[in-house]
Each structure stands twice: as C-alpha cells, then as structure tokens.
C-alpha cells in the first residue's frame, strides 16, 4: 500500500490510475491532514467527529475528512475517545481526540 500512512496510498496491484491519483493528491492531503489535526488539538478533550471536521474546516465534500482522520489514527496522532455524536445524517460517529484525552479505560482498546 505504498507509503501509507505517511502518504495517500493504494492497494497492492491497484491500476496505475490509482497510483497516479494517490501521487496527485499527496500535497493537498497533507495540508488537510494538518488542518484536521490542528482543529482536533484546539478542541482538546471535546474532540471532533469526521462530519464536524469537514463542517468546521469548510470542506464541502464531507467524506474527504475520513481518509485524513484514518491516516492520523494510523500514525498515532489521534485516537477514538469512546464517545459518539450523531453526524449530519443521524448516524453515530466516533469522536476523535489527541491520545492524552483518551480515558485510561479506553487507552489502547481501539487498534
């Protein structure tokens, strides 16, 4: 899967178009990842769901926050707090926080 989670990835055996797409979005993905981490950092223990990240950062395509949160999680920058809030479509979403805000009972539970 290429250099994931350090760079957007693609699965082994993916068509060349997938590989090219991953390379083309790498810089924008890094900028968005940094913005998402900054937002979650600013919210401390309150954290943010994927929808909240997209809304607060003005990302019209709300699903673009999910891959950024996945890479942050894979790199150990954020963790699932164990809390849930409803997203814009009414479904429960994980609330992401910095590792120091994860309750001791949850630490290391979600991997």
N, C-alpha and C. Protein backbone atom coordinates (compact mmCIF):
# COMPACT_ATOMS: atom_id res chain seq x y z
N UNK A 1 0.83 -1.20 0.00
CA UNK A 1 0.00 0.00 0.00
C UNK A 1 0.87 1.25 0.00
N UNK A 2 1.89 1.27 -0.77
CA UNK A 2 2.81 2.39 -0.92
C UNK A 2 3.35 2.87 0.42
N UNK A 3 3.38 4.17 0.64
CA UNK A 3 3.96 4.75 1.85
C UNK A 3 2.90 5.09 2.91
N UNK A 4 1.72 4.51 2.82
CA UNK A 4 0.67 4.77 3.79
C UNK A 4 1.17 4.36 5.17
N UNK A 5 0.93 5.12 6.23
CA UNK A 5 0.08 6.30 6.31
C UNK A 5 0.79 7.63 6.10
N UNK A 6 2.07 7.59 5.73
CA UNK A 6 2.78 8.85 5.55
C UNK A 6 2.33 9.61 4.31
N UNK A 7 1.83 8.89 3.32
CA UNK A 7 1.32 9.49 2.09
C UNK A 7 0.05 8.75 1.70
N UNK A 8 -0.84 9.39 0.93
CA UNK A 8 -2.03 8.67 0.45
C UNK A 8 -1.59 7.41 -0.28
N UNK A 9 -2.33 6.35 -0.08
CA UNK A 9 -1.90 5.08 -0.63
C UNK A 9 -2.84 4.49 -1.66
N UNK A 10 -2.46 3.30 -2.07
CA UNK A 10 -3.25 2.49 -2.98
C UNK A 10 -2.94 1.05 -2.63
N UNK A 11 -3.83 0.16 -2.95
CA UNK A 11 -3.62 -1.24 -2.58
C UNK A 11 -2.68 -1.92 -3.57
N UNK A 12 -2.05 -2.98 -3.10
CA UNK A 12 -1.14 -3.74 -3.96
C UNK A 12 -1.89 -4.24 -5.19
N UNK A 13 -1.32 -4.05 -6.32
CA UNK A 13 -1.95 -4.48 -7.57
C UNK A 13 -2.97 -3.51 -8.11
N UNK A 14 -3.07 -2.33 -7.50
CA UNK A 14 -4.03 -1.32 -7.97
C UNK A 14 -3.64 -0.87 -9.37
N UNK A 15 -4.63 -0.47 -10.16
CA UNK A 15 -4.31 0.03 -11.50
C UNK A 15 -3.42 1.27 -11.42
N UNK A 16 -2.72 1.54 -12.47
CA UNK A 16 -1.83 2.70 -12.50
C UNK A 16 -2.59 4.00 -12.23
N UNK A 17 -3.87 4.05 -12.56
CA UNK A 17 -4.65 5.26 -12.31
C UNK A 17 -4.80 5.52 -10.81
N UNK A 18 -4.92 4.46 -10.02
CA UNK A 18 -5.00 4.62 -8.56
C UNK A 18 -3.68 5.14 -8.01
N UNK A 19 -2.60 4.61 -8.53
CA UNK A 19 -1.28 5.06 -8.09
C UNK A 19 -1.07 6.53 -8.44
N UNK A 20 -1.46 6.91 -9.65
CA UNK A 20 -1.32 8.30 -10.09
C UNK A 20 -2.19 9.22 -9.24
N UNK A 21 -3.40 8.79 -8.93
CA UNK A 21 -4.30 9.61 -8.12
C UNK A 21 -3.70 9.84 -6.74
N UNK A 22 -3.15 8.80 -6.14
CA UNK A 22 -2.53 8.94 -4.82
C UNK A 22 -1.39 9.95 -4.85
N UNK A 23 -0.59 9.90 -5.90
CA UNK A 23 0.52 10.84 -6.04
C UNK A 23 0.02 12.27 -6.23
N UNK A 24 -1.04 12.43 -7.01
CA UNK A 24 -1.56 13.77 -7.32
C UNK A 24 -2.18 14.46 -6.12
N UNK A 25 -2.77 13.70 -5.20
CA UNK A 25 -3.43 14.34 -4.05
C UNK A 25 -2.53 14.42 -2.82
N UNK A 26 -1.31 13.92 -2.91
CA UNK A 26 -0.44 13.84 -1.74
C UNK A 26 -0.27 15.18 -1.03
N UNK A 27 0.04 16.23 -1.76
CA UNK A 27 0.27 17.53 -1.13
C UNK A 27 -1.01 18.08 -0.49
N UNK A 28 -2.11 18.03 -1.22
CA UNK A 28 -3.39 18.51 -0.67
C UNK A 28 -3.80 17.68 0.54
N UNK A 29 -3.55 16.39 0.50
CA UNK A 29 -3.89 15.53 1.63
C UNK A 29 -3.10 15.91 2.86
N UNK A 30 -1.83 16.22 2.69
CA UNK A 30 -1.00 16.62 3.83
C UNK A 30 -1.50 17.93 4.43
N UNK A 31 -1.91 18.86 3.59
CA UNK A 31 -2.44 20.14 4.08
C UNK A 31 -3.73 19.91 4.86
N UNK A 32 -4.61 19.09 4.33
CA UNK A 32 -5.88 18.80 5.01
C UNK A 32 -5.65 18.02 6.30
N UNK A 33 -4.71 17.11 6.28
CA UNK A 33 -4.41 16.34 7.49
C UNK A 33 -3.91 17.28 8.59
N UNK A 34 -3.03 18.21 8.24
CA UNK A 34 -2.53 19.17 9.22
C UNK A 34 -3.66 20.05 9.76
N UNK A 35 -4.58 20.45 8.89
CA UNK A 35 -5.72 21.27 9.33
C UNK A 35 -6.62 20.48 10.27
N UNK A 36 -6.87 19.22 9.96
CA UNK A 36 -7.71 18.37 10.82
C UNK A 36 -7.05 18.17 12.18
N UNK A 37 -5.75 17.92 12.20
CA UNK A 37 -5.05 17.73 13.46
C UNK A 37 -5.06 19.02 14.29
N UNK A 38 -4.87 20.14 13.64
CA UNK A 38 -4.91 21.42 14.34
C UNK A 38 -6.28 21.66 14.97
N UNK A 39 -7.33 21.35 14.22
CA UNK A 39 -8.69 21.52 14.75
C UNK A 39 -8.91 20.61 15.96
N UNK A 40 -8.57 19.34 15.83
CA UNK A 40 -8.78 18.40 16.94
C UNK A 40 -7.95 18.81 18.15
N UNK A 41 -6.74 19.30 17.92
CA UNK A 41 -5.89 19.79 19.00
C UNK A 41 -6.56 20.96 19.72
N UNK A 42 -7.13 21.87 18.96
CA UNK A 42 -7.77 23.06 19.55
C UNK A 42 -9.01 22.72 20.36
N UNK A 43 -9.62 21.59 20.05
CA UNK A 43 -10.85 21.19 20.74
C UNK A 43 -10.58 20.35 21.99
N UNK A 44 -9.31 20.05 22.24
CA UNK A 44 -8.88 19.31 23.43
C UNK A 44 -9.73 18.05 23.64
N UNK A 45 -10.23 17.85 24.84
CA UNK A 45 -10.98 16.65 25.17
C UNK A 45 -12.34 16.55 24.53
N UNK A 46 -12.87 17.65 24.00
CA UNK A 46 -14.17 17.62 23.33
C UNK A 46 -14.06 16.84 22.02
N UNK A 47 -12.94 17.01 21.31
CA UNK A 47 -12.70 16.28 20.08
C UNK A 47 -13.63 16.66 18.95
N UNK A 48 -13.62 15.85 17.91
CA UNK A 48 -14.45 16.12 16.73
C UNK A 48 -14.73 14.82 15.99
N UNK A 49 -15.92 14.77 15.40
CA UNK A 49 -16.27 13.66 14.51
C UNK A 49 -15.79 14.01 13.10
N UNK A 50 -15.87 13.06 12.20
CA UNK A 50 -15.48 13.30 10.81
C UNK A 50 -16.34 14.41 10.20
N UNK A 51 -17.64 14.38 10.46
CA UNK A 51 -18.52 15.42 9.92
C UNK A 51 -18.18 16.79 10.51
N UNK A 52 -17.87 16.83 11.80
CA UNK A 52 -17.53 18.10 12.44
C UNK A 52 -16.24 18.68 11.87
N UNK A 53 -15.27 17.82 11.59
CA UNK A 53 -14.03 18.28 10.97
C UNK A 53 -14.35 18.92 9.62
N UNK A 54 -15.10 18.22 8.79
CA UNK A 54 -15.45 18.74 7.47
C UNK A 54 -16.22 20.06 7.58
N UNK A 55 -17.19 20.11 8.48
CA UNK A 55 -18.01 21.32 8.63
C UNK A 55 -17.19 22.50 9.12
N UNK A 56 -16.43 22.29 10.18
CA UNK A 56 -15.66 23.41 10.76
C UNK A 56 -14.56 23.92 9.85
N UNK A 57 -14.04 23.03 9.00
CA UNK A 57 -12.98 23.45 8.09
C UNK A 57 -13.52 23.88 6.73
N UNK A 58 -14.84 23.82 6.56
CA UNK A 58 -15.45 24.29 5.33
C UNK A 58 -15.23 23.39 4.13
N UNK A 59 -15.03 22.10 4.38
CA UNK A 59 -14.82 21.14 3.30
C UNK A 59 -16.18 20.72 2.78
N UNK A 60 -16.53 21.13 1.57
CA UNK A 60 -17.83 20.81 1.01
C UNK A 60 -18.02 19.30 0.83
N UNK A 61 -16.98 18.60 0.46
CA UNK A 61 -17.05 17.15 0.32
C UNK A 61 -16.72 16.55 1.67
N UNK A 62 -17.74 16.29 2.48
CA UNK A 62 -17.53 15.87 3.86
C UNK A 62 -16.80 14.55 3.99
N UNK A 63 -16.89 13.70 2.98
CA UNK A 63 -16.21 12.41 3.07
C UNK A 63 -14.70 12.53 2.92
N UNK A 64 -14.21 13.69 2.52
CA UNK A 64 -12.76 13.88 2.40
C UNK A 64 -12.08 13.94 3.75
N UNK A 65 -12.83 14.12 4.83
CA UNK A 65 -12.21 14.15 6.16
C UNK A 65 -11.85 12.75 6.63
N UNK A 66 -12.59 11.75 6.22
CA UNK A 66 -12.37 10.39 6.73
C UNK A 66 -10.98 9.83 6.42
N UNK A 67 -10.49 9.93 5.18
CA UNK A 67 -9.14 9.42 4.92
C UNK A 67 -8.07 10.17 5.72
N UNK A 68 -8.28 11.46 5.93
CA UNK A 68 -7.30 12.24 6.71
C UNK A 68 -7.29 11.78 8.16
N UNK A 69 -8.47 11.50 8.71
CA UNK A 69 -8.54 11.00 10.08
C UNK A 69 -7.97 9.60 10.19
N UNK A 70 -8.16 8.79 9.16
CA UNK A 70 -7.59 7.44 9.15
C UNK A 70 -6.07 7.47 9.20
N UNK A 71 -5.46 8.36 8.42
CA UNK A 71 -4.00 8.44 8.44
C UNK A 71 -3.50 8.99 9.77
N UNK A 72 -4.21 9.96 10.33
CA UNK A 72 -3.82 10.49 11.65
C UNK A 72 -3.89 9.39 12.70
N UNK A 73 -4.92 8.58 12.64
CA UNK A 73 -5.06 7.47 13.59
C UNK A 73 -3.95 6.44 13.38
N UNK A 74 -3.68 6.09 12.14
CA UNK A 74 -2.65 5.10 11.84
C UNK A 74 -1.27 5.56 12.32
N UNK A 75 -1.05 6.85 12.32
CA UNK A 75 0.23 7.41 12.78
C UNK A 75 0.25 7.67 14.28
N UNK A 76 -0.86 7.39 14.96
CA UNK A 76 -0.90 7.56 16.41
C UNK A 76 -1.10 8.99 16.86
N UNK A 77 -1.52 9.87 15.95
CA UNK A 77 -1.72 11.29 16.30
C UNK A 77 -3.06 11.53 16.98
N UNK A 78 -4.08 10.73 16.62
CA UNK A 78 -5.40 10.84 17.24
C UNK A 78 -5.89 9.45 17.60
N UNK A 79 -6.89 9.41 18.50
CA UNK A 79 -7.48 8.14 18.89
C UNK A 79 -8.99 8.32 19.08
N UNK A 80 -9.68 7.21 19.02
CA UNK A 80 -11.12 7.18 19.29
C UNK A 80 -11.30 7.42 20.78
N UNK A 81 -12.08 8.42 21.13
CA UNK A 81 -12.29 8.78 22.54
C UNK A 81 -13.24 7.82 23.26
N UNK A 82 -13.97 7.03 22.48
CA UNK A 82 -15.01 6.19 23.06
C UNK A 82 -16.36 6.89 23.08
N UNK A 83 -16.35 8.21 22.85
CA UNK A 83 -17.60 8.97 22.78
C UNK A 83 -18.15 8.90 21.36
N UNK A 84 -19.45 9.11 21.26
CA UNK A 84 -20.12 9.13 19.96
C UNK A 84 -21.04 10.33 19.89
N UNK A 85 -21.10 10.94 18.70
CA UNK A 85 -22.06 12.01 18.43
C UNK A 85 -22.67 11.72 17.07
N UNK A 86 -23.88 12.19 16.89
CA UNK A 86 -24.56 11.97 15.61
C UNK A 86 -24.00 12.91 14.54
N UNK A 87 -23.82 12.33 13.35
CA UNK A 87 -23.38 13.11 12.20
C UNK A 87 -24.57 13.76 11.53
N UNK A 88 -24.32 14.42 10.41
CA UNK A 88 -25.37 15.16 9.73
C UNK A 88 -26.50 14.28 9.21
N UNK A 89 -26.23 13.00 9.00
CA UNK A 89 -27.27 12.10 8.52
C UNK A 89 -27.87 11.26 9.64
N UNK A 90 -27.55 11.63 10.90
CA UNK A 90 -28.14 10.97 12.04
C UNK A 90 -27.45 9.71 12.51
N UNK A 91 -26.39 9.31 11.85
CA UNK A 91 -25.66 8.11 12.27
C UNK A 91 -24.62 8.48 13.32
N UNK A 92 -24.37 7.54 14.22
CA UNK A 92 -23.36 7.76 15.26
C UNK A 92 -21.97 7.75 14.64
N UNK A 93 -21.13 8.68 15.09
CA UNK A 93 -19.75 8.77 14.62
C UNK A 93 -18.81 8.81 15.82
N UNK A 94 -17.63 8.26 15.62
CA UNK A 94 -16.58 8.31 16.65
C UNK A 94 -16.14 9.76 16.85
N UNK A 95 -15.82 10.09 18.08
CA UNK A 95 -15.26 11.39 18.40
C UNK A 95 -13.75 11.20 18.55
N UNK A 96 -12.99 11.89 17.72
CA UNK A 96 -11.53 11.77 17.69
C UNK A 96 -10.88 12.82 18.56
N UNK A 97 -9.89 12.40 19.34
CA UNK A 97 -9.16 13.29 20.24
C UNK A 97 -7.67 12.97 20.17
N UNK A 98 -6.86 13.84 20.75
CA UNK A 98 -5.44 13.54 20.91
C UNK A 98 -5.31 12.40 21.93
N UNK A 99 -4.26 11.60 21.83
CA UNK A 99 -4.11 10.46 22.74
C UNK A 99 -4.21 10.80 24.22
N UNK A 100 -3.73 11.96 24.63
CA UNK A 100 -3.77 12.30 26.06
C UNK A 100 -5.18 12.51 26.60
N UNK A 101 -6.17 12.63 25.72
CA UNK A 101 -7.55 12.83 26.16
C UNK A 101 -8.37 11.55 26.15
N UNK A 102 -7.76 10.44 25.78
CA UNK A 102 -8.47 9.16 25.79
C UNK A 102 -8.57 8.68 27.24
N UNK A 103 -9.76 8.32 27.69
CA UNK A 103 -9.89 7.81 29.06
C UNK A 103 -8.97 6.60 29.27
N UNK A 104 -8.42 6.50 30.47
CA UNK A 104 -7.50 5.41 30.77
C UNK A 104 -8.13 4.06 30.44
N UNK A 105 -9.42 3.90 30.71
CA UNK A 105 -10.10 2.63 30.44
C UNK A 105 -10.15 2.31 28.96
N UNK A 106 -10.00 3.32 28.09
CA UNK A 106 -10.06 3.13 26.64
C UNK A 106 -8.68 3.03 26.00
N UNK A 107 -7.66 3.49 26.68
CA UNK A 107 -6.32 3.57 26.09
C UNK A 107 -5.89 2.23 25.52
N UNK A 108 -5.54 2.25 24.24
CA UNK A 108 -5.07 1.06 23.57
C UNK A 108 -6.18 0.07 23.19
N UNK A 109 -7.42 0.38 23.49
CA UNK A 109 -8.53 -0.54 23.21
C UNK A 109 -8.84 -0.62 21.72
N UNK A 110 -8.77 0.50 21.03
CA UNK A 110 -9.10 0.51 19.60
C UNK A 110 -7.82 0.52 18.80
N UNK A 111 -7.58 -0.55 18.11
CA UNK A 111 -6.36 -0.59 17.29
C UNK A 111 -6.68 -1.15 15.92
